[in-house]
Amino acid sequence: MTTTLLWVGVASLVGGIGHVILAKGMKVVGAAAGSPLARTLSNPWVILGVALQAAFFFIYMALLSREDVSKVLPLTTLNYIIVAVLAQLLLAEPVTALRWTGIGFIVLGVFLVGRP
């Protein structure tokens, strides 16, 4: 179980970073002129974000080969916390007390559902 928790932590971190980097890249794509598809496919932030999301997916698949989905999926809610912190720090997005409360409720709910 310790190995599973370690890999879930790695997957959540990689996935959370991937979400934020992808958002950063897409904001640049949306603000620029020209072909949206060409801008998207040539944006290094988008490419890195997609690569990190793919890494998350492959780690998640490996986890599912060893553990029950009902155990693994709830543990990946760490993503919510990681994304909120990184979005606030790297994208200057406002994460209000109300959002933190909502994230807290999600994590608490997942904890309650995931108990044996």
PDB file of N, CA and C in Angstrom:
ATOM      1  N   MET A   1       0.817  -1.194   0.000  1.00  0.00           N
ATOM      2  CA  MET A   1       0.000   0.000   0.000  1.00  0.00           C
ATOM      3  C   MET A   1       0.866   1.265   0.000  1.00  0.00           C
ATOM      4  N   THR A   2       2.036   1.208   0.644  1.00  0.00           N
ATOM      5  CA  THR A   2       2.924   2.371   0.670  1.00  0.00           C
ATOM      6  C   THR A   2       3.377   2.740  -0.736  1.00  0.00           C
ATOM      7  N   THR A   3       3.699   1.733  -1.542  1.00  0.00           N
ATOM      8  CA  THR A   3       4.094   1.982  -2.920  1.00  0.00           C
ATOM      9  C   THR A   3       2.948   2.608  -3.698  1.00  0.00           C
ATOM     10  N   THR A   4       1.748   2.108  -3.476  1.00  0.00           N
ATOM     11  CA  THR A   4       0.575   2.665  -4.145  1.00  0.00           C
ATOM     12  C   THR A   4       0.391   4.127  -3.773  1.00  0.00           C
ATOM     13  N   LEU A   5       0.500   4.439  -2.501  1.00  0.00           N
ATOM     14  CA  LEU A   5       0.333   5.830  -2.062  1.00  0.00           C
ATOM     15  C   LEU A   5       1.411   6.732  -2.654  1.00  0.00           C
ATOM     16  N   LEU A   6       2.621   6.221  -2.736  1.00  0.00           N
ATOM     17  CA  LEU A   6       3.703   6.995  -3.338  1.00  0.00           C
ATOM     18  C   LEU A   6       3.401   7.290  -4.800  1.00  0.00           C
ATOM     19  N   TRP A   7       2.967   6.275  -5.560  1.00  0.00           N
ATOM     20  CA  TRP A   7       2.669   6.467  -6.975  1.00  0.00           C
ATOM     21  C   TRP A   7       1.434   7.329  -7.192  1.00  0.00           C
ATOM     22  N   VAL A   8       0.456   7.220  -6.298  1.00  0.00           N
ATOM     23  CA  VAL A   8      -0.707   8.107  -6.394  1.00  0.00           C
ATOM     24  C   VAL A   8      -0.267   9.549  -6.175  1.00  0.00           C
ATOM     25  N   GLY A   9       0.636   9.766  -5.231  1.00  0.00           N
ATOM     26  CA  GLY A   9       1.165  11.110  -4.996  1.00  0.00           C
ATOM     27  C   GLY A   9       1.910  11.643  -6.206  1.00  0.00           C
ATOM     28  N   VAL A  10       2.737  10.795  -6.814  1.00  0.00           N
ATOM     29  CA  VAL A  10       3.468  11.202  -8.016  1.00  0.00           C
ATOM     30  C   VAL A  10       2.480  11.506  -9.149  1.00  0.00           C
ATOM     31  N   ALA A  11       1.506  10.625  -9.335  1.00  0.00           N
ATOM     32  CA  ALA A  11       0.510  10.831 -10.396  1.00  0.00           C
ATOM     33  C   ALA A  11      -0.262  12.124 -10.174  1.00  0.00           C
ATOM     34  N   SER A  12      -0.663  12.383  -8.947  1.00  0.00           N
ATOM     35  CA  SER A  12      -1.422  13.595  -8.640  1.00  0.00           C
ATOM     36  C   SER A  12      -0.582  14.841  -8.886  1.00  0.00           C
ATOM     37  N   LEU A  13       0.668  14.790  -8.511  1.00  0.00           N
ATOM     38  CA  LEU A  13       1.555  15.936  -8.729  1.00  0.00           C
ATOM     39  C   LEU A  13       1.786  16.171 -10.221  1.00  0.00           C
ATOM     40  N   VAL A  14       2.083  15.115 -10.949  1.00  0.00           N
ATOM     41  CA  VAL A  14       2.314  15.230 -12.393  1.00  0.00           C
ATOM     42  C   VAL A  14       1.047  15.718 -13.092  1.00  0.00           C
ATOM     43  N   GLY A  15      -0.099  15.144 -12.725  1.00  0.00           N
ATOM     44  CA  GLY A  15      -1.366  15.552 -13.331  1.00  0.00           C
ATOM     45  C   GLY A  15      -1.728  16.986 -12.998  1.00  0.00           C
ATOM     46  N   GLY A  16      -1.539  17.379 -11.747  1.00  0.00           N
ATOM     47  CA  GLY A  16      -1.850  18.748 -11.334  1.00  0.00           C
ATOM     48  C   GLY A  16      -0.976  19.772 -12.037  1.00  0.00           C
ATOM     49  N   ILE A  17       0.315  19.478 -12.116  1.00  0.00           N
ATOM     50  CA  ILE A  17       1.226  20.377 -12.827  1.00  0.00           C
ATOM     51  C   ILE A  17       0.836  20.432 -14.308  1.00  0.00           C
ATOM     52  N   GLY A  18       0.490  19.288 -14.873  1.00  0.00           N
ATOM     53  CA  GLY A  18       0.072  19.238 -16.269  1.00  0.00           C
ATOM     54  C   GLY A  18      -1.154  20.090 -16.543  1.00  0.00           C
ATOM     55  N   HIS A  19      -2.139  20.045 -15.637  1.00  0.00           N
ATOM     56  CA  HIS A  19      -3.352  20.867 -15.795  1.00  0.00           C
ATOM     57  C   HIS A  19      -2.999  22.349 -15.848  1.00  0.00           C
ATOM     58  N   VAL A  20      -2.169  22.780 -14.919  1.00  0.00           N
ATOM     59  CA  VAL A  20      -1.836  24.202 -14.811  1.00  0.00           C
ATOM     60  C   VAL A  20      -0.988  24.664 -15.993  1.00  0.00           C
ATOM     61  N   ILE A  21      -0.027  23.860 -16.401  1.00  0.00           N
ATOM     62  CA  ILE A  21       0.811  24.224 -17.541  1.00  0.00           C
ATOM     63  C   ILE A  21      -0.015  24.253 -18.831  1.00  0.00           C
ATOM     64  N   LEU A  22      -0.917  23.301 -18.974  1.00  0.00           N
ATOM     65  CA  LEU A  22      -1.798  23.294 -20.140  1.00  0.00           C
ATOM     66  C   LEU A  22      -2.680  24.543 -20.162  1.00  0.00           C
ATOM     67  N   ALA A  23      -3.210  24.929 -19.010  1.00  0.00           N
ATOM     68  CA  ALA A  23      -4.021  26.155 -18.928  1.00  0.00           C
ATOM     69  C   ALA A  23      -3.192  27.381 -19.297  1.00  0.00           C
ATOM     70  N   LYS A  24      -1.952  27.420 -18.822  1.00  0.00           N
ATOM     71  CA  LYS A  24      -1.061  28.542 -19.156  1.00  0.00           C
ATOM     72  C   LYS A  24      -0.868  28.631 -20.662  1.00  0.00           C
ATOM     73  N   GLY A  25      -0.597  27.517 -21.296  1.00  0.00           N
ATOM     74  CA  GLY A  25      -0.399  27.490 -22.736  1.00  0.00           C
ATOM     75  C   GLY A  25      -1.643  27.868 -23.509  1.00  0.00           C
ATOM     76  N   MET A  26      -2.791  27.404 -23.069  1.00  0.00           N
ATOM     77  CA  MET A  26      -4.028  27.698 -23.794  1.00  0.00           C
ATOM     78  C   MET A  26      -4.448  29.150 -23.635  1.00  0.00           C
ATOM     79  N   LYS A  27      -4.096  29.779 -22.531  1.00  0.00           N
ATOM     80  CA  LYS A  27      -4.380  31.216 -22.390  1.00  0.00           C
ATOM     81  C   LYS A  27      -3.573  32.019 -23.406  1.00  0.00           C
ATOM     82  N   VAL A  28      -2.340  31.608 -23.653  1.00  0.00           N
ATOM     83  CA  VAL A  28      -1.508  32.253 -24.673  1.00  0.00           C
ATOM     84  C   VAL A  28      -2.114  32.016 -26.054  1.00  0.00           C
ATOM     85  N   VAL A  29      -2.559  30.790 -26.317  1.00  0.00           N
ATOM     86  CA  VAL A  29      -3.165  30.452 -27.604  1.00  0.00           C
ATOM     87  C   VAL A  29      -4.411  31.294 -27.840  1.00  0.00           C
ATOM     88  N   GLY A  30      -5.240  31.428 -26.830  1.00  0.00           N
ATOM     89  CA  GLY A  30      -6.488  32.173 -26.966  1.00  0.00           C
ATOM     90  C   GLY A  30      -6.284  33.655 -27.188  1.00  0.00           C
ATOM     91  N   ALA A  31      -5.183  34.203 -26.709  1.00  0.00           N
ATOM     92  CA  ALA A  31      -4.938  35.640 -26.807  1.00  0.00           C
ATOM     93  C   ALA A  31      -4.214  36.040 -28.092  1.00  0.00           C
ATOM     94  N   ALA A  32      -3.641  35.091 -28.810  1.00  0.00           N
ATOM     95  CA  ALA A  32      -2.835  35.417 -29.993  1.00  0.00           C
ATOM     96  C   ALA A  32      -3.683  35.376 -31.263  1.00  0.00           C
ATOM     97  N   ALA A  33      -3.149  36.000 -32.301  1.00  0.00           N
ATOM     98  CA  ALA A  33      -3.814  35.998 -33.605  1.00  0.00           C
ATOM     99  C   ALA A  33      -3.303  34.841 -34.444  1.00  0.00           C
ATOM    100  N   GLY A  34      -4.074  34.478 -35.460  1.00  0.00           N
ATOM    101  CA  GLY A  34      -3.660  33.411 -36.354  1.00  0.00           C
ATOM    102  C   GLY A  34      -4.490  32.161 -36.152  1.00  0.00           C
ATOM    103  N   SER A  35      -4.033  31.077 -36.742  1.00  0.00           N
ATOM    104  CA  SER A  35      -4.750  29.809 -36.677  1.00  0.00           C
ATOM    105  C   SER A  35      -4.677  29.216 -35.265  1.00  0.00           C
ATOM    106  N   PRO A  36      -5.826  28.992 -34.630  1.00  0.00           N
ATOM    107  CA  PRO A  36      -5.801  28.417 -33.272  1.00  0.00           C
ATOM    108  C   PRO A  36      -5.148  27.030 -33.236  1.00  0.00           C
ATOM    109  N   LEU A  37      -5.362  26.226 -34.257  1.00  0.00           N
ATOM    110  CA  LEU A  37      -4.781  24.888 -34.266  1.00  0.00           C
ATOM    111  C   LEU A  37      -3.257  24.964 -34.361  1.00  0.00           C
ATOM    112  N   ALA A  38      -2.753  25.806 -35.255  1.00  0.00           N
ATOM    113  CA  ALA A  38      -1.300  25.951 -35.408  1.00  0.00           C
ATOM    114  C   ALA A  38      -0.685  26.506 -34.128  1.00  0.00           C
ATOM    115  N   ARG A  39      -1.341  27.490 -33.516  1.00  0.00           N
ATOM    116  CA  ARG A  39      -0.827  28.065 -32.260  1.00  0.00           C
ATOM    117  C   ARG A  39      -0.807  27.014 -31.158  1.00  0.00           C
ATOM    118  N   THR A  40      -1.851  26.188 -31.116  1.00  0.00           N
ATOM    119  CA  THR A  40      -1.938  25.161 -30.079  1.00  0.00           C
ATOM    120  C   THR A  40      -0.839  24.126 -30.253  1.00  0.00           C
ATOM    121  N   LEU A  41      -0.687  23.636 -31.469  1.00  0.00           N
ATOM    122  CA  LEU A  41       0.278  22.562 -31.716  1.00  0.00           C
ATOM    123  C   LEU A  41       1.725  23.014 -31.633  1.00  0.00           C
ATOM    124  N   SER A  42       1.954  24.320 -31.741  1.00  0.00           N
ATOM    125  CA  SER A  42       3.335  24.818 -31.684  1.00  0.00           C
ATOM    126  C   SER A  42       3.686  25.466 -30.342  1.00  0.00           C
ATOM    127  N   ASN A  43       2.739  25.500 -29.419  1.00  0.00           N
ATOM    128  CA  ASN A  43       2.981  26.144 -28.128  1.00  0.00           C
ATOM    129  C   ASN A  43       3.699  25.173 -27.191  1.00  0.00           C
ATOM    130  N   PRO A  44       4.908  25.515 -26.724  1.00  0.00           N
ATOM    131  CA  PRO A  44       5.649  24.591 -25.858  1.00  0.00           C
ATOM    132  C   PRO A  44       4.946  24.307 -24.531  1.00  0.00           C
ATOM    133  N   TRP A  45       4.197  25.271 -24.008  1.00  0.00           N
ATOM    134  CA  TRP A  45       3.461  25.036 -22.759  1.00  0.00           C
ATOM    135  C   TRP A  45       2.367  23.992 -22.967  1.00  0.00           C
ATOM    136  N   VAL A  46       1.690  24.070 -24.094  1.00  0.00           N
ATOM    137  CA  VAL A  46       0.642  23.094 -24.403  1.00  0.00           C
ATOM    138  C   VAL A  46       1.257  21.715 -24.578  1.00  0.00           C
ATOM    139  N   ILE A  47       2.354  21.642 -25.304  1.00  0.00           N
ATOM    140  CA  ILE A  47       3.015  20.356 -25.540  1.00  0.00           C
ATOM    141  C   ILE A  47       3.475  19.742 -24.212  1.00  0.00           C
ATOM    142  N   LEU A  48       4.080  20.560 -23.346  1.00  0.00           N
ATOM    143  CA  LEU A  48       4.514  20.057 -22.039  1.00  0.00           C
ATOM    144  C   LEU A  48       3.324  19.631 -21.191  1.00  0.00           C
ATOM    145  N   GLY A  49       2.263  20.427 -21.204  1.00  0.00           N
ATOM    146  CA  GLY A  49       1.061  20.079 -20.436  1.00  0.00           C
ATOM    147  C   GLY A  49       0.457  18.763 -20.890  1.00  0.00           C
ATOM    148  N   VAL A  50       0.382  18.568 -22.202  1.00  0.00           N
ATOM    149  CA  VAL A  50      -0.157  17.319 -22.742  1.00  0.00           C
ATOM    150  C   VAL A  50       0.756  16.150 -22.373  1.00  0.00           C
ATOM    151  N   ALA A  51       2.057  16.347 -22.440  1.00  0.00           N
ATOM    152  CA  ALA A  51       3.000  15.284 -22.064  1.00  0.00           C
ATOM    153  C   ALA A  51       2.839  14.892 -20.595  1.00  0.00           C
ATOM    154  N   LEU A  52       2.662  15.883 -19.730  1.00  0.00           N
ATOM    155  CA  LEU A  52       2.472  15.586 -18.309  1.00  0.00           C
ATOM    156  C   LEU A  52       1.133  14.888 -18.066  1.00  0.00           C
ATOM    157  N   GLN A  53       0.097  15.303 -18.793  1.00  0.00           N
ATOM    158  CA  GLN A  53      -1.198  14.628 -18.671  1.00  0.00           C
ATOM    159  C   GLN A  53      -1.093  13.181 -19.145  1.00  0.00           C
ATOM    160  N   ALA A  54      -0.327  12.949 -20.217  1.00  0.00           N
ATOM    161  CA  ALA A  54      -0.106  11.583 -20.701  1.00  0.00           C
ATOM    162  C   ALA A  54       0.647  10.759 -19.661  1.00  0.00           C
ATOM    163  N   ALA A  55       1.651  11.369 -19.035  1.00  0.00           N
ATOM    164  CA  ALA A  55       2.399  10.664 -17.978  1.00  0.00           C
ATOM    165  C   ALA A  55       1.466  10.289 -16.835  1.00  0.00           C
ATOM    166  N   PHE A  56       0.592  11.224 -16.447  1.00  0.00           N
ATOM    167  CA  PHE A  56      -0.404  10.917 -15.406  1.00  0.00           C
ATOM    168  C   PHE A  56      -1.240   9.718 -15.828  1.00  0.00           C
ATOM    169  N   PHE A  57      -1.707   9.708 -17.059  1.00  0.00           N
ATOM    170  CA  PHE A  57      -2.563   8.642 -17.556  1.00  0.00           C
ATOM    171  C   PHE A  57      -1.863   7.291 -17.479  1.00  0.00           C
ATOM    172  N   PHE A  58      -0.581   7.237 -17.870  1.00  0.00           N
ATOM    173  CA  PHE A  58       0.139   5.965 -17.846  1.00  0.00           C
ATOM    174  C   PHE A  58       0.428   5.496 -16.415  1.00  0.00           C
ATOM    175  N   ILE A  59       0.723   6.432 -15.531  1.00  0.00           N
ATOM    176  CA  ILE A  59       0.899   6.065 -14.118  1.00  0.00           C
ATOM    177  C   ILE A  59      -0.419   5.548 -13.554  1.00  0.00           C
ATOM    178  N   TYR A  60      -1.506   6.226 -13.912  1.00  0.00           N
ATOM    179  CA  TYR A  60      -2.839   5.826 -13.453  1.00  0.00           C
ATOM    180  C   TYR A  60      -3.174   4.421 -13.962  1.00  0.00           C
ATOM    181  N   MET A  61      -2.850   4.140 -15.223  1.00  0.00           N
ATOM    182  CA  MET A  61      -3.094   2.792 -15.762  1.00  0.00           C
ATOM    183  C   MET A  61      -2.288   1.750 -14.993  1.00  0.00           C
ATOM    184  N   ALA A  62      -1.036   2.073 -14.682  1.00  0.00           N
ATOM    185  CA  ALA A  62      -0.208   1.129 -13.920  1.00  0.00           C
ATOM    186  C   ALA A  62      -0.810   0.885 -12.537  1.00  0.00           C
ATOM    187  N   LEU A  63      -1.305   1.959 -11.911  1.00  0.00           N
ATOM    188  CA  LEU A  63      -1.942   1.803 -10.607  1.00  0.00           C
ATOM    189  C   LEU A  63      -3.176   0.908 -10.694  1.00  0.00           C
ATOM    190  N   LEU A  64      -3.971   1.100 -11.754  1.00  0.00           N
ATOM    191  CA  LEU A  64      -5.174   0.291 -11.920  1.00  0.00           C
ATOM    192  C   LEU A  64      -4.859  -1.175 -12.175  1.00  0.00           C
ATOM    193  N   SER A  65      -3.661  -1.457 -12.664  1.00  0.00           N
ATOM    194  CA  SER A  65      -3.287  -2.854 -12.878  1.00  0.00           C
ATOM    195  C   SER A  65      -2.981  -3.560 -11.559  1.00  0.00           C
ATOM    196  N   ARG A  66      -2.770  -2.764 -10.495  1.00  0.00           N
ATOM    197  CA  ARG A  66      -2.410  -3.340  -9.191  1.00  0.00           C
ATOM    198  C   ARG A  66      -3.487  -3.191  -8.122  1.00  0.00           C
ATOM    199  N   GLU A  67      -4.285  -2.138  -8.238  1.00  0.00           N
ATOM    200  CA  GLU A  67      -5.255  -1.818  -7.185  1.00  0.00           C
ATOM    201  C   GLU A  67      -6.642  -1.624  -7.776  1.00  0.00           C
ATOM    202  N   ASP A  68      -7.633  -1.637  -6.915  1.00  0.00           N
ATOM    203  CA  ASP A  68      -9.010  -1.402  -7.328  1.00  0.00           C
ATOM    204  C   ASP A  68      -9.209   0.066  -7.684  1.00  0.00           C
ATOM    205  N   VAL A  69     -10.004   0.294  -8.721  1.00  0.00           N
ATOM    206  CA  VAL A  69     -10.289   1.666  -9.134  1.00  0.00           C
ATOM    207  C   VAL A  69     -10.995   2.425  -8.013  1.00  0.00           C
ATOM    208  N   SER A  70     -11.788   1.735  -7.214  1.00  0.00           N
ATOM    209  CA  SER A  70     -12.494   2.393  -6.116  1.00  0.00           C
ATOM    210  C   SER A  70     -11.542   2.846  -5.017  1.00  0.00           C
ATOM    211  N   LYS A  71     -10.322   2.338  -5.036  1.00  0.00           N
ATOM    212  CA  LYS A  71      -9.306   2.785  -4.091  1.00  0.00           C
ATOM    213  C   LYS A  71      -8.417   3.872  -4.701  1.00  0.00           C
ATOM    214  N   VAL A  72      -8.041   3.688  -5.957  1.00  0.00           N
ATOM    215  CA  VAL A  72      -7.097   4.598  -6.611  1.00  0.00           C
ATOM    216  C   VAL A  72      -7.736   5.939  -6.947  1.00  0.00           C
ATOM    217  N   LEU A  73      -8.902   5.913  -7.570  1.00  0.00           N
ATOM    218  CA  LEU A  73      -9.509   7.160  -8.020  1.00  0.00           C
ATOM    219  C   LEU A  73      -9.739   8.160  -6.885  1.00  0.00           C
ATOM    220  N   PRO A  74     -10.289   7.748  -5.756  1.00  0.00           N
ATOM    221  CA  PRO A  74     -10.460   8.732  -4.677  1.00  0.00           C
ATOM    222  C   PRO A  74      -9.146   9.353  -4.210  1.00  0.00           C
ATOM    223  N   LEU A  75      -8.069   8.585  -4.239  1.00  0.00           N
ATOM    224  CA  LEU A  75      -6.789   9.122  -3.794  1.00  0.00           C
ATOM    225  C   LEU A  75      -6.257  10.210  -4.724  1.00  0.00           C
ATOM    226  N   THR A  76      -6.688  10.187  -5.974  1.00  0.00           N
ATOM    227  CA  THR A  76      -6.190  11.189  -6.917  1.00  0.00           C
ATOM    228  C   THR A  76      -6.858  12.551  -6.726  1.00  0.00           C
ATOM    229  N   THR A  77      -7.729  12.697  -5.748  1.00  0.00           N
ATOM    230  CA  THR A  77      -8.329  14.016  -5.491  1.00  0.00           C
ATOM    231  C   THR A  77      -7.294  14.997  -4.941  1.00  0.00           C
ATOM    232  N   LEU A  78      -6.106  14.509  -4.663  1.00  0.00           N
ATOM    233  CA  LEU A  78      -5.018  15.427  -4.313  1.00  0.00           C
ATOM    234  C   LEU A  78      -4.818  16.440  -5.439  1.00  0.00           C
ATOM    235  N   ASN A  79      -5.199  16.061  -6.658  1.00  0.00           N
ATOM    236  CA  ASN A  79      -5.127  16.961  -7.804  1.00  0.00           C
ATOM    237  C   ASN A  79      -5.807  18.293  -7.522  1.00  0.00           C
ATOM    238  N   TYR A  80      -6.951  18.267  -6.871  1.00  0.00           N
ATOM    239  CA  TYR A  80      -7.700  19.496  -6.604  1.00  0.00           C
ATOM    240  C   TYR A  80      -6.872  20.479  -5.788  1.00  0.00           C
ATOM    241  N   ILE A  81      -6.198  19.974  -4.793  1.00  0.00           N
ATOM    242  CA  ILE A  81      -5.375  20.828  -3.936  1.00  0.00           C
ATOM    243  C   ILE A  81      -4.164  21.344  -4.721  1.00  0.00           C
ATOM    244  N   ILE A  82      -3.493  20.447  -5.430  1.00  0.00           N
ATOM    245  CA  ILE A  82      -2.301  20.822  -6.195  1.00  0.00           C
ATOM    246  C   ILE A  82      -2.649  21.869  -7.248  1.00  0.00           C
ATOM    247  N   VAL A  83      -3.737  21.660  -7.976  1.00  0.00           N
ATOM    248  CA  VAL A  83      -4.134  22.604  -9.024  1.00  0.00           C
ATOM    249  C   VAL A  83      -4.475  23.959  -8.428  1.00  0.00           C
ATOM    250  N   ALA A  84      -5.198  23.981  -7.323  1.00  0.00           N
ATOM    251  CA  ALA A  84      -5.567  25.262  -6.707  1.00  0.00           C
ATOM    252  C   ALA A  84      -4.329  26.041  -6.269  1.00  0.00           C
ATOM    253  N   VAL A  85      -3.393  25.368  -5.641  1.00  0.00           N
ATOM    254  CA  VAL A  85      -2.172  26.037  -5.173  1.00  0.00           C
ATOM    255  C   VAL A  85      -1.352  26.539  -6.354  1.00  0.00           C
ATOM    256  N   LEU A  86      -1.136  25.685  -7.351  1.00  0.00           N
ATOM    257  CA  LEU A  86      -0.323  26.081  -8.499  1.00  0.00           C
ATOM    258  C   LEU A  86      -1.001  27.148  -9.352  1.00  0.00           C
ATOM    259  N   ALA A  87      -2.316  27.070  -9.497  1.00  0.00           N
ATOM    260  CA  ALA A  87      -3.037  28.094 -10.265  1.00  0.00           C
ATOM    261  C   ALA A  87      -2.903  29.456  -9.588  1.00  0.00           C
ATOM    262  N   GLN A  88      -2.935  29.439  -8.275  1.00  0.00           N
ATOM    263  CA  GLN A  88      -2.780  30.688  -7.520  1.00  0.00           C
ATOM    264  C   GLN A  88      -1.357  31.221  -7.663  1.00  0.00           C
ATOM    265  N   LEU A  89      -0.365  30.343  -7.555  1.00  0.00           N
ATOM    266  CA  LEU A  89       1.030  30.772  -7.596  1.00  0.00           C
ATOM    267  C   LEU A  89       1.532  31.088  -9.000  1.00  0.00           C
ATOM    268  N   LEU A  90       1.209  30.234  -9.965  1.00  0.00           N
ATOM    269  CA  LEU A  90       1.785  30.368 -11.294  1.00  0.00           C
ATOM    270  C   LEU A  90       0.919  31.154 -12.276  1.00  0.00           C
ATOM    271  N   LEU A  91      -0.393  31.113 -12.090  1.00  0.00           N
ATOM    272  CA  LEU A  91      -1.285  31.789 -13.028  1.00  0.00           C
ATOM    273  C   LEU A  91      -1.956  33.020 -12.421  1.00  0.00           C
ATOM    274  N   ALA A  92      -1.661  33.286 -11.167  1.00  0.00           N
ATOM    275  CA  ALA A  92      -2.261  34.415 -10.440  1.00  0.00           C
ATOM    276  C   ALA A  92      -3.784  34.344 -10.430  1.00  0.00           C
ATOM    277  N   GLU A  93      -4.323  33.126 -10.405  1.00  0.00           N
ATOM    278  CA  GLU A  93      -5.768  32.959 -10.322  1.00  0.00           C
ATOM    279  C   GLU A  93      -6.202  33.145  -8.867  1.00  0.00           C
ATOM    280  N   PRO A  94      -7.313  33.834  -8.666  1.00  0.00           N
ATOM    281  CA  PRO A  94      -7.792  33.989  -7.292  1.00  0.00           C
ATOM    282  C   PRO A  94      -8.447  32.684  -6.807  1.00  0.00           C
ATOM    283  N   VAL A  95      -7.942  32.167  -5.719  1.00  0.00           N
ATOM    284  CA  VAL A  95      -8.557  30.998  -5.094  1.00  0.00           C
ATOM    285  C   VAL A  95      -9.119  31.490  -3.765  1.00  0.00           C
ATOM    286  N   THR A  96     -10.413  31.740  -3.772  1.00  0.00           N
ATOM    287  CA  THR A  96     -11.080  32.348  -2.627  1.00  0.00           C
ATOM    288  C   THR A  96     -11.284  31.342  -1.503  1.00  0.00           C
ATOM    289  N   ALA A  97     -11.657  31.859  -0.374  1.00  0.00           N
ATOM    290  CA  ALA A  97     -11.963  30.996   0.778  1.00  0.00           C
ATOM    291  C   ALA A  97     -13.110  30.045   0.440  1.00  0.00           C
ATOM    292  N   LEU A  98     -14.057  30.526  -0.353  1.00  0.00           N
ATOM    293  CA  LEU A  98     -15.184  29.677  -0.748  1.00  0.00           C
ATOM    294  C   LEU A  98     -14.704  28.504  -1.612  1.00  0.00           C
ATOM    295  N   ARG A  99     -13.770  28.771  -2.520  1.00  0.00           N
ATOM    296  CA  ARG A  99     -13.209  27.672  -3.330  1.00  0.00           C
ATOM    297  C   ARG A  99     -12.460  26.685  -2.456  1.00  0.00           C
ATOM    298  N   TRP A 100     -11.648  27.200  -1.509  1.00  0.00           N
ATOM    299  CA  TRP A 100     -10.923  26.303  -0.611  1.00  0.00           C
ATOM    300  C   TRP A 100     -11.895  25.459   0.210  1.00  0.00           C
ATOM    301  N   THR A 101     -12.983  26.058   0.622  1.00  0.00           N
ATOM    302  CA  THR A 101     -13.993  25.309   1.374  1.00  0.00           C
ATOM    303  C   THR A 101     -14.573  24.203   0.505  1.00  0.00           C
ATOM    304  N   GLY A 102     -14.886  24.527  -0.752  1.00  0.00           N
ATOM    305  CA  GLY A 102     -15.398  23.518  -1.679  1.00  0.00           C
ATOM    306  C   GLY A 102     -14.412  22.390  -1.906  1.00  0.00           C
ATOM    307  N   ILE A 103     -13.142  22.740  -2.091  1.00  0.00           N
ATOM    308  CA  ILE A 103     -12.101  21.722  -2.257  1.00  0.00           C
ATOM    309  C   ILE A 103     -12.014  20.856  -0.999  1.00  0.00           C
ATOM    310  N   GLY A 104     -12.109  21.501   0.146  1.00  0.00           N
ATOM    311  CA  GLY A 104     -12.090  20.755   1.414  1.00  0.00           C
ATOM    312  C   GLY A 104     -13.245  19.767   1.520  1.00  0.00           C
ATOM    313  N   PHE A 105     -14.426  20.203   1.100  1.00  0.00           N
ATOM    314  CA  PHE A 105     -15.584  19.301   1.120  1.00  0.00           C
ATOM    315  C   PHE A 105     -15.396  18.126   0.164  1.00  0.00           C
ATOM    316  N   ILE A 106     -14.836  18.391  -1.000  1.00  0.00           N
ATOM    317  CA  ILE A 106     -14.579  17.313  -1.957  1.00  0.00           C
ATOM    318  C   ILE A 106     -13.614  16.296  -1.359  1.00  0.00           C
ATOM    319  N   VAL A 107     -12.508  16.786  -0.815  1.00  0.00           N
ATOM    320  CA  VAL A 107     -11.511  15.890  -0.227  1.00  0.00           C
ATOM    321  C   VAL A 107     -12.104  15.126   0.960  1.00  0.00           C
ATOM    322  N   LEU A 108     -12.860  15.817   1.801  1.00  0.00           N
ATOM    323  CA  LEU A 108     -13.508  15.145   2.939  1.00  0.00           C
ATOM    324  C   LEU A 108     -14.482  14.086   2.457  1.00  0.00           C
ATOM    325  N   GLY A 109     -15.282  14.408   1.440  1.00  0.00           N
ATOM    326  CA  GLY A 109     -16.234  13.444   0.897  1.00  0.00           C
ATOM    327  C   GLY A 109     -15.545  12.226   0.338  1.00  0.00           C
ATOM    328  N   VAL A 110     -14.465  12.434  -0.371  1.00  0.00           N
ATOM    329  CA  VAL A 110     -13.715  11.318  -0.927  1.00  0.00           C
ATOM    330  C   VAL A 110     -13.108  10.473   0.187  1.00  0.00           C
ATOM    331  N   PHE A 111     -12.617  11.130   1.221  1.00  0.00           N
ATOM    332  CA  PHE A 111     -12.079  10.395   2.371  1.00  0.00           C
ATOM    333  C   PHE A 111     -13.162   9.519   3.001  1.00  0.00           C
ATOM    334  N   LEU A 112     -14.342  10.076   3.166  1.00  0.00           N
ATOM    335  CA  LEU A 112     -15.430   9.303   3.776  1.00  0.00           C
ATOM    336  C   LEU A 112     -15.874   8.136   2.884  1.00  0.00           C
ATOM    337  N   VAL A 113     -15.942   8.375   1.593  1.00  0.00           N
ATOM    338  CA  VAL A 113     -16.356   7.319   0.662  1.00  0.00           C
ATOM    339  C   VAL A 113     -15.280   6.236   0.571  1.00  0.00           C
ATOM    340  N   GLY A 114     -14.027   6.631   0.652  1.00  0.00           N
ATOM    341  CA  GLY A 114     -12.922   5.696   0.490  1.00  0.00           C
ATOM    342  C   GLY A 114     -12.592   4.870   1.711  1.00  0.00           C
ATOM    343  N   ARG A 115     -13.239   5.157   2.822  1.00  0.00           N
ATOM    344  CA  ARG A 115     -12.956   4.364   4.043  1.00  0.00           C
ATOM    345  C   ARG A 115     -13.486   2.947   3.882  1.00  0.00           C
ATOM    346  N   PRO A 116     -12.776   1.978   4.447  1.00  0.00           N
ATOM    347  CA  PRO A 116     -13.230   0.572   4.330  1.00  0.00           C
ATOM    348  C   PRO A 116     -14.498   0.303   5.115  1.00  0.00           C
TER     349      PRO A 116
END
